[in-house]
PDB file of N, CA and C in Angstrom:
ATOM      1  N   MET A   1     128.201 107.223 123.113  1.00  0.00           N
ATOM      2  CA  MET A   1     127.193 107.996 123.615  1.00  0.00           C
ATOM      3  C   MET A   1     126.110 107.186 124.640  1.00  0.00           C
ATOM      4  N   GLU A   2     126.167 107.582 125.731  1.00  0.00           N
ATOM      5  CA  GLU A   2     125.415 106.940 126.864  1.00  0.00           C
ATOM      6  C   GLU A   2     124.183 107.671 126.849  1.00  0.00           C
ATOM      7  N   HIS A   3     123.830 108.922 126.466  1.00  0.00           N
ATOM      8  CA  HIS A   3     122.789 109.492 126.465  1.00  0.00           C
ATOM      9  C   HIS A   3     122.335 109.939 125.199  1.00  0.00           C
ATOM     10  N   PHE A   4     121.002 110.123 124.998  1.00  0.00           N
ATOM     11  CA  PHE A   4     120.509 110.532 123.851  1.00  0.00           C
ATOM     12  C   PHE A   4     120.861 112.074 123.578  1.00  0.00           C
ATOM     13  N   ALA A   5     120.836 112.440 122.273  1.00  0.00           N
ATOM     14  CA  ALA A   5     121.018 113.828 122.170  1.00  0.00           C
ATOM     15  C   ALA A   5     119.627 114.583 121.730  1.00  0.00           C
ATOM     16  N   HIS A   6     119.719 115.829 121.623  1.00  0.00           N
ATOM     17  CA  HIS A   6     118.641 116.394 120.989  1.00  0.00           C
ATOM     18  C   HIS A   6     118.638 116.965 119.611  1.00  0.00           C
ATOM     19  N   ILE A   7     117.882 116.969 118.805  1.00  0.00           N
ATOM     20  CA  ILE A   7     118.273 117.346 117.342  1.00  0.00           C
ATOM     21  C   ILE A   7     117.138 118.250 116.896  1.00  0.00           C
ATOM     22  N   SER A   8     117.190 119.419 116.192  1.00  0.00           N
ATOM     23  CA  SER A   8     116.091 120.125 115.555  1.00  0.00           C
ATOM     24  C   SER A   8     115.179 119.398 114.605  1.00  0.00           C
ATOM     25  N   VAL A   9     114.332 120.046 114.158  1.00  0.00           N
ATOM     26  CA  VAL A   9     113.648 119.475 112.956  1.00  0.00           C
ATOM     27  C   VAL A   9     114.212 119.641 111.745  1.00  0.00           C
ATOM     28  N   GLN A  10     114.847 120.701 111.737  1.00  0.00           N
ATOM     29  CA  GLN A  10     116.054 121.178 110.698  1.00  0.00           C
ATOM     30  C   GLN A  10     117.006 120.231 110.193  1.00  0.00           C
ATOM     31  N   ASP A  11     117.633 119.685 111.387  1.00  0.00           N
ATOM     32  CA  ASP A  11     118.736 118.688 111.349  1.00  0.00           C
ATOM     33  C   ASP A  11     118.311 117.469 111.007  1.00  0.00           C
ATOM     34  N   THR A  12     116.904 117.039 111.690  1.00  0.00           N
ATOM     35  CA  THR A  12     116.306 115.783 111.687  1.00  0.00           C
ATOM     36  C   THR A  12     116.239 115.670 109.775  1.00  0.00           C
ATOM     37  N   GLN A  13     115.442 116.730 109.079  1.00  0.00           N
ATOM     38  CA  GLN A  13     115.112 116.729 107.962  1.00  0.00           C
ATOM     39  C   GLN A  13     116.382 116.610 106.939  1.00  0.00           C
ATOM     40  N   GLN A  14     117.481 117.211 107.404  1.00  0.00           N
ATOM     41  CA  GLN A  14     118.758 116.888 106.785  1.00  0.00           C
ATOM     42  C   GLN A  14     119.399 115.510 106.717  1.00  0.00           C
ATOM     43  N   LYS A  15     119.270 115.233 107.802  1.00  0.00           N
ATOM     44  CA  LYS A  15     119.834 113.529 108.019  1.00  0.00           C
ATOM     45  C   LYS A  15     118.843 112.458 107.404  1.00  0.00           C
ATOM     46  N   LEU A  16     117.500 112.910 107.414  1.00  0.00           N
ATOM     47  CA  LEU A  16     116.402 111.910 106.660  1.00  0.00           C
ATOM     48  C   LEU A  16     116.631 112.201 105.015  1.00  0.00           C
ATOM     49  N   ALA A  17     116.849 113.146 104.642  1.00  0.00           N
ATOM     50  CA  ALA A  17     117.049 113.655 103.394  1.00  0.00           C
ATOM     51  C   ALA A  17     118.482 112.859 102.668  1.00  0.00           C
ATOM     52  N   ASP A  18     119.507 112.828 103.640  1.00  0.00           N
ATOM     53  CA  ASP A  18     120.548 112.056 103.260  1.00  0.00           C
ATOM     54  C   ASP A  18     120.783 110.885 103.455  1.00  0.00           C
ATOM     55  N   GLY A  19     119.585 110.031 103.993  1.00  0.00           N
ATOM     56  CA  GLY A  19     119.562 108.742 104.413  1.00  0.00           C
ATOM     57  C   GLY A  19     120.496 108.540 105.433  1.00  0.00           C
ATOM     58  N   GLN A  20     120.965 109.353 106.424  1.00  0.00           N
ATOM     59  CA  GLN A  20     121.912 109.190 107.389  1.00  0.00           C
ATOM     60  C   GLN A  20     121.115 108.725 108.711  1.00  0.00           C
ATOM     61  N   ALA A  21     119.694 108.222 108.822  1.00  0.00           N
ATOM     62  CA  ALA A  21     119.288 108.165 110.158  1.00  0.00           C
ATOM     63  C   ALA A  21     117.763 107.508 109.786  1.00  0.00           C
ATOM     64  N   LYS A  22     117.573 106.891 110.762  1.00  0.00           N
ATOM     65  CA  LYS A  22     115.941 106.123 110.789  1.00  0.00           C
ATOM     66  C   LYS A  22     115.100 107.070 111.818  1.00  0.00           C
ATOM     67  N   LEU A  23     114.233 107.245 111.266  1.00  0.00           N
ATOM     68  CA  LEU A  23     113.016 108.188 112.170  1.00  0.00           C
ATOM     69  C   LEU A  23     111.788 106.963 112.951  1.00  0.00           C
ATOM     70  N   VAL A  24     111.921 107.266 113.974  1.00  0.00           N
ATOM     71  CA  VAL A  24     110.582 106.535 114.628  1.00  0.00           C
ATOM     72  C   VAL A  24     109.784 107.402 115.237  1.00  0.00           C
ATOM     73  N   ASP A  25     108.393 107.233 115.301  1.00  0.00           N
ATOM     74  CA  ASP A  25     107.344 107.808 115.500  1.00  0.00           C
ATOM     75  C   ASP A  25     106.739 107.139 116.644  1.00  0.00           C
ATOM     76  N   ILE A  26     106.698 107.683 117.966  1.00  0.00           N
ATOM     77  CA  ILE A  26     106.012 106.893 119.239  1.00  0.00           C
ATOM     78  C   ILE A  26     104.372 107.341 119.403  1.00  0.00           C
ATOM     79  N   ARG A  27     103.959 108.361 118.561  1.00  0.00           N
ATOM     80  CA  ARG A  27     102.609 108.648 118.639  1.00  0.00           C
ATOM     81  C   ARG A  27     101.598 107.459 118.820  1.00  0.00           C
ATOM     82  N   ASP A  28     100.486 107.710 119.433  1.00  0.00           N
ATOM     83  CA  ASP A  28      99.364 106.793 119.097  1.00  0.00           C
ATOM     84  C   ASP A  28      99.071 106.265 117.733  1.00  0.00           C
ATOM     85  N   GLU A  29      98.653 105.359 117.712  1.00  0.00           N
ATOM     86  CA  GLU A  29      98.187 104.517 116.274  1.00  0.00           C
ATOM     87  C   GLU A  29      97.048 105.637 115.622  1.00  0.00           C
ATOM     88  N   ARG A  30      96.237 106.257 116.151  1.00  0.00           N
ATOM     89  CA  ARG A  30      95.255 107.183 115.264  1.00  0.00           C
ATOM     90  C   ARG A  30      96.032 108.240 114.856  1.00  0.00           C
ATOM     91  N   SER A  31      97.194 108.839 115.735  1.00  0.00           N
ATOM     92  CA  SER A  31      97.761 110.218 115.340  1.00  0.00           C
ATOM     93  C   SER A  31      98.706 109.625 114.005  1.00  0.00           C
ATOM     94  N   PHE A  32      99.328 108.331 114.334  1.00  0.00           N
ATOM     95  CA  PHE A  32     100.272 108.145 113.341  1.00  0.00           C
ATOM     96  C   PHE A  32      99.508 108.076 111.989  1.00  0.00           C
ATOM     97  N   GLU A  33      98.443 107.188 111.932  1.00  0.00           N
ATOM     98  CA  GLU A  33      97.487 107.016 110.903  1.00  0.00           C
ATOM     99  C   GLU A  33      97.046 108.274 109.936  1.00  0.00           C
ATOM    100  N   ALA A  34      96.707 109.098 110.948  1.00  0.00           N
ATOM    101  CA  ALA A  34      96.228 110.462 110.547  1.00  0.00           C
ATOM    102  C   ALA A  34      97.301 111.357 109.691  1.00  0.00           C
ATOM    103  N   ALA A  35      98.335 111.339 110.240  1.00  0.00           N
ATOM    104  CA  ALA A  35      99.568 112.029 109.587  1.00  0.00           C
ATOM    105  C   ALA A  35     100.829 111.729 110.355  1.00  0.00           C
ATOM    106  N   HIS A  36     102.035 111.578 109.454  1.00  0.00           N
ATOM    107  CA  HIS A  36     103.162 111.116 109.871  1.00  0.00           C
ATOM    108  C   HIS A  36     104.529 111.713 108.988  1.00  0.00           C
ATOM    109  N   ILE A  37     105.611 111.526 109.162  1.00  0.00           N
ATOM    110  CA  ILE A  37     106.597 112.259 108.603  1.00  0.00           C
ATOM    111  C   ILE A  37     106.962 111.060 107.681  1.00  0.00           C
ATOM    112  N   GLU A  38     107.158 111.367 106.209  1.00  0.00           N
ATOM    113  CA  GLU A  38     107.451 110.325 105.341  1.00  0.00           C
ATOM    114  C   GLU A  38     108.505 109.482 105.887  1.00  0.00           C
ATOM    115  N   GLY A  39     108.299 108.067 105.638  1.00  0.00           N
ATOM    116  CA  GLY A  39     109.341 107.152 106.162  1.00  0.00           C
ATOM    117  C   GLY A  39     109.588 106.795 107.242  1.00  0.00           C
ATOM    118  N   ALA A  40     108.629 107.378 108.122  1.00  0.00           N
ATOM    119  CA  ALA A  40     108.662 107.158 109.699  1.00  0.00           C
ATOM    120  C   ALA A  40     108.241 105.477 109.969  1.00  0.00           C
ATOM    121  N   TRP A  41     109.072 105.067 111.060  1.00  0.00           N
ATOM    122  CA  TRP A  41     108.502 103.841 111.645  1.00  0.00           C
ATOM    123  C   TRP A  41     107.739 104.049 112.700  1.00  0.00           C
ATOM    124  N   HIS A  42     106.560 103.500 112.860  1.00  0.00           N
ATOM    125  CA  HIS A  42     105.700 103.422 113.907  1.00  0.00           C
ATOM    126  C   HIS A  42     106.225 102.648 114.967  1.00  0.00           C
ATOM    127  N   LEU A  43     106.485 102.998 115.966  1.00  0.00           N
ATOM    128  CA  LEU A  43     107.459 102.375 117.228  1.00  0.00           C
ATOM    129  C   LEU A  43     106.157 102.316 118.258  1.00  0.00           C
ATOM    130  N   THR A  44     106.012 100.997 118.512  1.00  0.00           N
ATOM    131  CA  THR A  44     105.045 100.876 119.608  1.00  0.00           C
ATOM    132  C   THR A  44     105.474  99.531 120.476  1.00  0.00           C
ATOM    133  N   ASN A  45     104.994  99.291 121.305  1.00  0.00           N
ATOM    134  CA  ASN A  45     105.534  98.249 122.135  1.00  0.00           C
ATOM    135  C   ASN A  45     105.260  96.836 121.469  1.00  0.00           C
ATOM    136  N   GLY A  46     104.569  96.703 120.561  1.00  0.00           N
ATOM    137  CA  GLY A  46     104.276  95.891 119.870  1.00  0.00           C
ATOM    138  C   GLY A  46     105.408  95.623 118.521  1.00  0.00           C
ATOM    139  N   SER A  47     105.768  96.851 117.940  1.00  0.00           N
ATOM    140  CA  SER A  47     106.624  96.690 116.863  1.00  0.00           C
ATOM    141  C   SER A  47     108.154  96.700 117.259  1.00  0.00           C
ATOM    142  N   LEU A  48     108.323  97.012 118.741  1.00  0.00           N
ATOM    143  CA  LEU A  48     109.718  97.263 119.231  1.00  0.00           C
ATOM    144  C   LEU A  48     110.641  96.203 118.486  1.00  0.00           C
ATOM    145  N   ASN A  49     110.220  94.983 119.023  1.00  0.00           N
ATOM    146  CA  ASN A  49     111.308  93.727 118.361  1.00  0.00           C
ATOM    147  C   ASN A  49     111.375  93.624 117.113  1.00  0.00           C
ATOM    148  N   GLN A  50     110.388  94.030 116.138  1.00  0.00           N
ATOM    149  CA  GLN A  50     110.505  93.926 114.992  1.00  0.00           C
ATOM    150  C   GLN A  50     111.642  95.133 114.342  1.00  0.00           C
ATOM    151  N   PHE A  51     111.714  96.125 114.935  1.00  0.00           N
ATOM    152  CA  PHE A  51     112.340  97.337 114.759  1.00  0.00           C
ATOM    153  C   PHE A  51     113.938  97.105 115.087  1.00  0.00           C
ATOM    154  N   MET A  52     114.070  96.371 116.144  1.00  0.00           N
ATOM    155  CA  MET A  52     115.345  95.984 116.826  1.00  0.00           C
ATOM    156  C   MET A  52     116.191  94.936 115.924  1.00  0.00           C
ATOM    157  N   GLN A  53     115.138  94.106 115.355  1.00  0.00           N
ATOM    158  CA  GLN A  53     115.672  93.197 114.489  1.00  0.00           C
ATOM    159  C   GLN A  53     116.163  93.556 113.213  1.00  0.00           C
ATOM    160  N   ASP A  54     115.415  94.776 112.739  1.00  0.00           N
ATOM    161  CA  ASP A  54     115.499  95.283 111.306  1.00  0.00           C
ATOM    162  C   ASP A  54     116.918  96.418 111.309  1.00  0.00           C
ATOM    163  N   THR A  55     116.911  96.777 112.527  1.00  0.00           N
ATOM    164  CA  THR A  55     117.975  98.000 112.593  1.00  0.00           C
ATOM    165  C   THR A  55     119.226  97.628 113.013  1.00  0.00           C
ATOM    166  N   ASP A  56     120.336  98.193 112.337  1.00  0.00           N
ATOM    167  CA  ASP A  56     121.659  98.028 113.157  1.00  0.00           C
ATOM    168  C   ASP A  56     121.699  98.916 114.274  1.00  0.00           C
ATOM    169  N   PHE A  57     122.470  98.360 115.388  1.00  0.00           N
ATOM    170  CA  PHE A  57     122.833  99.328 116.439  1.00  0.00           C
ATOM    171  C   PHE A  57     123.429 100.622 116.068  1.00  0.00           C
ATOM    172  N   GLU A  58     124.361 100.516 114.941  1.00  0.00           N
ATOM    173  CA  GLU A  58     125.139 101.628 114.574  1.00  0.00           C
ATOM    174  C   GLU A  58     124.483 102.740 113.820  1.00  0.00           C
ATOM    175  N   THR A  59     123.048 102.215 113.146  1.00  0.00           N
ATOM    176  CA  THR A  59     122.354 103.107 112.583  1.00  0.00           C
ATOM    177  C   THR A  59     121.854 104.420 113.573  1.00  0.00           C
ATOM    178  N   PRO A  60     122.099 105.625 113.280  1.00  0.00           N
ATOM    179  CA  PRO A  60     121.491 106.741 114.013  1.00  0.00           C
ATOM    180  C   PRO A  60     119.782 106.634 113.927  1.00  0.00           C
ATOM    181  N   VAL A  61     119.391 106.516 115.174  1.00  0.00           N
ATOM    182  CA  VAL A  61     117.945 106.858 115.219  1.00  0.00           C
ATOM    183  C   VAL A  61     117.322 108.062 115.896  1.00  0.00           C
ATOM    184  N   ILE A  62     116.263 108.739 115.126  1.00  0.00           N
ATOM    185  CA  ILE A  62     115.693 109.924 115.759  1.00  0.00           C
ATOM    186  C   ILE A  62     114.278 109.637 116.106  1.00  0.00           C
ATOM    187  N   VAL A  63     114.011 109.900 117.320  1.00  0.00           N
ATOM    188  CA  VAL A  63     112.911 109.474 118.067  1.00  0.00           C
ATOM    189  C   VAL A  63     111.835 111.003 118.083  1.00  0.00           C
ATOM    190  N   CYS A  64     110.618 110.536 117.371  1.00  0.00           N
ATOM    191  CA  CYS A  64     109.638 111.762 117.204  1.00  0.00           C
ATOM    192  C   CYS A  64     108.397 111.340 117.940  1.00  0.00           C
ATOM    193  N   CYS A  65     107.763 112.254 118.922  1.00  0.00           N
ATOM    194  CA  CYS A  65     106.569 112.494 119.538  1.00  0.00           C
ATOM    195  C   CYS A  65     105.649 113.514 119.157  1.00  0.00           C
ATOM    196  N   TYR A  66     105.010 113.990 119.939  1.00  0.00           N
ATOM    197  CA  TYR A  66     103.846 114.962 119.869  1.00  0.00           C
ATOM    198  C   TYR A  66     104.629 116.428 119.820  1.00  0.00           C
ATOM    199  N   HIS A  67     105.222 116.588 120.970  1.00  0.00           N
ATOM    200  CA  HIS A  67     105.867 117.961 121.185  1.00  0.00           C
ATOM    201  C   HIS A  67     107.479 117.880 121.775  1.00  0.00           C
ATOM    202  N   GLY A  68     107.900 116.855 121.600  1.00  0.00           N
ATOM    203  CA  GLY A  68     109.247 116.297 121.932  1.00  0.00           C
ATOM    204  C   GLY A  68     109.560 116.074 123.571  1.00  0.00           C
ATOM    205  N   ASN A  69     108.464 115.710 123.992  1.00  0.00           N
ATOM    206  CA  ASN A  69     108.665 115.287 125.632  1.00  0.00           C
ATOM    207  C   ASN A  69     108.738 113.915 125.723  1.00  0.00           C
ATOM    208  N   SER A  70     108.060 113.231 125.220  1.00  0.00           N
ATOM    209  CA  SER A  70     107.949 111.747 125.606  1.00  0.00           C
ATOM    210  C   SER A  70     109.086 110.943 124.759  1.00  0.00           C
ATOM    211  N   SER A  71     109.343 111.662 123.605  1.00  0.00           N
ATOM    212  CA  SER A  71     110.774 111.092 122.885  1.00  0.00           C
ATOM    213  C   SER A  71     111.616 111.073 123.549  1.00  0.00           C
ATOM    214  N   GLN A  72     111.937 111.964 124.480  1.00  0.00           N
ATOM    215  CA  GLN A  72     113.222 111.862 125.320  1.00  0.00           C
ATOM    216  C   GLN A  72     113.296 110.535 126.047  1.00  0.00           C
ATOM    217  N   GLN A  73     112.351 109.974 126.545  1.00  0.00           N
ATOM    218  CA  GLN A  73     112.365 108.690 127.401  1.00  0.00           C
ATOM    219  C   GLN A  73     112.427 107.428 126.680  1.00  0.00           C
ATOM    220  N   ALA A  74     111.816 107.679 125.522  1.00  0.00           N
ATOM    221  CA  ALA A  74     111.942 106.663 124.495  1.00  0.00           C
ATOM    222  C   ALA A  74     113.493 106.810 123.872  1.00  0.00           C
ATOM    223  N   ALA A  75     114.089 107.942 123.686  1.00  0.00           N
ATOM    224  CA  ALA A  75     115.299 107.663 123.215  1.00  0.00           C
ATOM    225  C   ALA A  75     116.402 107.160 124.067  1.00  0.00           C
ATOM    226  N   GLN A  76     115.995 107.472 125.246  1.00  0.00           N
ATOM    227  CA  GLN A  76     116.962 106.884 126.255  1.00  0.00           C
ATOM    228  C   GLN A  76     116.967 105.463 126.205  1.00  0.00           C
ATOM    229  N   TYR A  77     115.596 105.039 126.167  1.00  0.00           N
ATOM    230  CA  TYR A  77     115.450 103.653 126.227  1.00  0.00           C
ATOM    231  C   TYR A  77     116.137 102.825 125.256  1.00  0.00           C
ATOM    232  N   LEU A  78     116.029 103.402 123.820  1.00  0.00           N
ATOM    233  CA  LEU A  78     116.824 102.917 123.080  1.00  0.00           C
ATOM    234  C   LEU A  78     118.326 102.660 122.972  1.00  0.00           C
ATOM    235  N   ILE A  79     118.706 103.748 123.821  1.00  0.00           N
ATOM    236  CA  ILE A  79     120.257 103.781 124.184  1.00  0.00           C
ATOM    237  C   ILE A  79     120.654 102.405 124.852  1.00  0.00           C
ATOM    238  N   HIS A  80     119.682 102.312 126.050  1.00  0.00           N
ATOM    239  CA  HIS A  80     119.648 101.255 127.083  1.00  0.00           C
ATOM    240  C   HIS A  80     119.633  99.905 126.291  1.00  0.00           C
ATOM    241  N   GLN A  81     118.806  99.760 125.300  1.00  0.00           N
ATOM    242  CA  GLN A  81     118.808  98.505 124.189  1.00  0.00           C
ATOM    243  C   GLN A  81     120.038  98.333 123.550  1.00  0.00           C
ATOM    244  N   GLY A  82     121.097  99.155 123.528  1.00  0.00           N
ATOM    245  CA  GLY A  82     122.197  99.071 122.647  1.00  0.00           C
ATOM    246  C   GLY A  82     122.463  99.890 121.418  1.00  0.00           C
ATOM    247  N   PHE A  83     121.294 100.602 121.094  1.00  0.00           N
ATOM    248  CA  PHE A  83     121.543 101.765 120.281  1.00  0.00           C
ATOM    249  C   PHE A  83     122.670 102.603 120.395  1.00  0.00           C
ATOM    250  N   GLU A  84     123.356 103.095 119.460  1.00  0.00           N
ATOM    251  CA  GLU A  84     124.656 103.822 119.862  1.00  0.00           C
ATOM    252  C   GLU A  84     124.501 105.451 119.622  1.00  0.00           C
ATOM    253  N   GLU A  85     123.576 105.711 118.673  1.00  0.00           N
ATOM    254  CA  GLU A  85     123.422 107.135 118.431  1.00  0.00           C
ATOM    255  C   GLU A  85     121.846 107.131 118.250  1.00  0.00           C
ATOM    256  N   VAL A  86     121.300 107.904 119.454  1.00  0.00           N
ATOM    257  CA  VAL A  86     120.026 108.349 119.393  1.00  0.00           C
ATOM    258  C   VAL A  86     119.625 109.567 119.703  1.00  0.00           C
ATOM    259  N   TYR A  87     118.527 109.906 118.818  1.00  0.00           N
ATOM    260  CA  TYR A  87     118.183 111.422 119.291  1.00  0.00           C
ATOM    261  C   TYR A  87     116.638 111.550 119.543  1.00  0.00           C
ATOM    262  N   SER A  88     116.437 112.715 120.241  1.00  0.00           N
ATOM    263  CA  SER A  88     114.932 113.252 120.545  1.00  0.00           C
ATOM    264  C   SER A  88     114.608 114.307 119.737  1.00  0.00           C
ATOM    265  N   MET A  89     113.636 114.457 118.618  1.00  0.00           N
ATOM    266  CA  MET A  89     113.335 115.506 117.971  1.00  0.00           C
ATOM    267  C   MET A  89     112.627 116.842 118.797  1.00  0.00           C
ATOM    268  N   ASP A  90     113.335 117.691 118.814  1.00  0.00           N
ATOM    269  CA  ASP A  90     112.657 118.764 119.584  1.00  0.00           C
ATOM    270  C   ASP A  90     111.548 119.321 119.275  1.00  0.00           C
ATOM    271  N   GLY A  91     110.547 119.503 119.490  1.00  0.00           N
ATOM    272  CA  GLY A  91     109.226 119.921 119.305  1.00  0.00           C
ATOM    273  C   GLY A  91     108.358 119.154 118.591  1.00  0.00           C
ATOM    274  N   GLY A  92     108.803 117.952 118.237  1.00  0.00           N
ATOM    275  CA  GLY A  92     108.007 116.798 117.859  1.00  0.00           C
ATOM    276  C   GLY A  92     107.439 116.929 116.794  1.00  0.00           C
ATOM    277  N   PHE A  93     106.372 116.302 116.275  1.00  0.00           N
ATOM    278  CA  PHE A  93     105.625 116.351 114.987  1.00  0.00           C
ATOM    279  C   PHE A  93     104.854 117.753 115.027  1.00  0.00           C
ATOM    280  N   GLU A  94     104.378 118.275 115.873  1.00  0.00           N
ATOM    281  CA  GLU A  94     103.778 119.445 115.904  1.00  0.00           C
ATOM    282  C   GLU A  94     104.763 120.725 115.243  1.00  0.00           C
ATOM    283  N   ALA A  95     106.027 120.203 115.726  1.00  0.00           N
ATOM    284  CA  ALA A  95     107.125 121.498 115.082  1.00  0.00           C
ATOM    285  C   ALA A  95     107.210 121.018 113.645  1.00  0.00           C
ATOM    286  N   TRP A  96     107.500 119.743 113.542  1.00  0.00           N
ATOM    287  CA  TRP A  96     107.535 119.396 111.928  1.00  0.00           C
ATOM    288  C   TRP A  96     106.659 119.849 110.838  1.00  0.00           C
ATOM    289  N   ARG A  97     105.352 119.742 111.534  1.00  0.00           N
ATOM    290  CA  ARG A  97     104.396 119.885 110.441  1.00  0.00           C
ATOM    291  C   ARG A  97     104.290 121.431 110.172  1.00  0.00           C
ATOM    292  N   LEU A  98     104.711 122.382 110.709  1.00  0.00           N
ATOM    293  CA  LEU A  98     104.934 123.853 110.644  1.00  0.00           C
ATOM    294  C   LEU A  98     105.807 124.073 109.438  1.00  0.00           C
ATOM    295  N   ASN A  99     107.042 123.261 109.345  1.00  0.00           N
ATOM    296  CA  ASN A  99     108.079 123.446 108.743  1.00  0.00           C
ATOM    297  C   ASN A  99     108.176 122.903 107.311  1.00  0.00           C
ATOM    298  N   TYR A 100     107.798 121.382 107.534  1.00  0.00           N
ATOM    299  CA  TYR A 100     107.916 120.608 106.372  1.00  0.00           C
ATOM    300  C   TYR A 100     106.662 120.007 106.162  1.00  0.00           C
ATOM    301  N   PRO A 101     106.563 119.259 104.694  1.00  0.00           N
ATOM    302  CA  PRO A 101     105.573 118.290 104.345  1.00  0.00           C
ATOM    303  C   PRO A 101     105.718 116.777 105.027  1.00  0.00           C
ATOM    304  N   PHE A 102     104.560 116.583 104.869  1.00  0.00           N
ATOM    305  CA  PHE A 102     104.251 115.141 105.881  1.00  0.00           C
ATOM    306  C   PHE A 102     103.123 114.405 105.150  1.00  0.00           C
ATOM    307  N   VAL A 103     103.244 113.115 105.405  1.00  0.00           N
ATOM    308  CA  VAL A 103     102.219 112.317 104.641  1.00  0.00           C
ATOM    309  C   VAL A 103     100.837 112.125 105.790  1.00  0.00           C
ATOM    310  N   SER A 104      99.717 112.527 105.147  1.00  0.00           N
ATOM    311  CA  SER A 104      98.437 112.391 105.685  1.00  0.00           C
ATOM    312  C   SER A 104      97.768 111.241 105.484  1.00  0.00           C
ATOM    313  N   GLY A 105      96.967 110.760 106.260  1.00  0.00           N
ATOM    314  CA  GLY A 105      96.266 109.442 106.026  1.00  0.00           C
ATOM    315  C   GLY A 105      94.973 109.791 105.360  1.00  0.00           C
ATOM    316  N   ASP A 106      94.043 109.031 104.685  1.00  0.00           N
ATOM    317  CA  ASP A 106      92.982 109.258 103.711  1.00  0.00           C
ATOM    318  C   ASP A 106      91.927 108.551 104.391  1.00  0.00           C
ATOM    319  N   HIS A 107      91.705 108.945 105.696  1.00  0.00           N
ATOM    320  CA  HIS A 107      90.462 108.400 106.629  1.00  0.00           C
ATOM    321  C   HIS A 107      89.576 109.418 106.165  1.00  0.00           C
ATOM    322  N   ALA A 108      88.207 109.024 105.350  1.00  0.00           N
ATOM    323  CA  ALA A 108      86.885 109.625 105.468  1.00  0.00           C
ATOM    324  C   ALA A 108      86.576 109.849 106.986  1.00  0.00           C
ATOM    325  N   GLY A 109      86.339 110.926 107.372  1.00  0.00           N
ATOM    326  CA  GLY A 109      85.779 111.458 108.688  1.00  0.00           C
ATOM    327  C   GLY A 109      84.950 110.581 109.283  1.00  0.00           C
TER     328      GLY A 109
END
């Protein structure tokens, strides 16, 4: 795979439920803390090296952003880093939250 692939929220949910992929969330710190998909790794410039050390290049990686746009660039970047199977989740977190439960932060306003 030299290019990332697109994946629906339904297929993402299935892969995560089966333990077949790692999910990374590239949204900003505040958005991630407020709400994210359970088990998601918050991928930032600061956490990228740690993620790459902890993750086999054979592990399928699914990238999630707000609406499925910036995740495409991030997915292609991960392909260039050597990951073999990378997906951009269509619709992003906004599409996920309409269909599936997620973890919300417990910050008092």
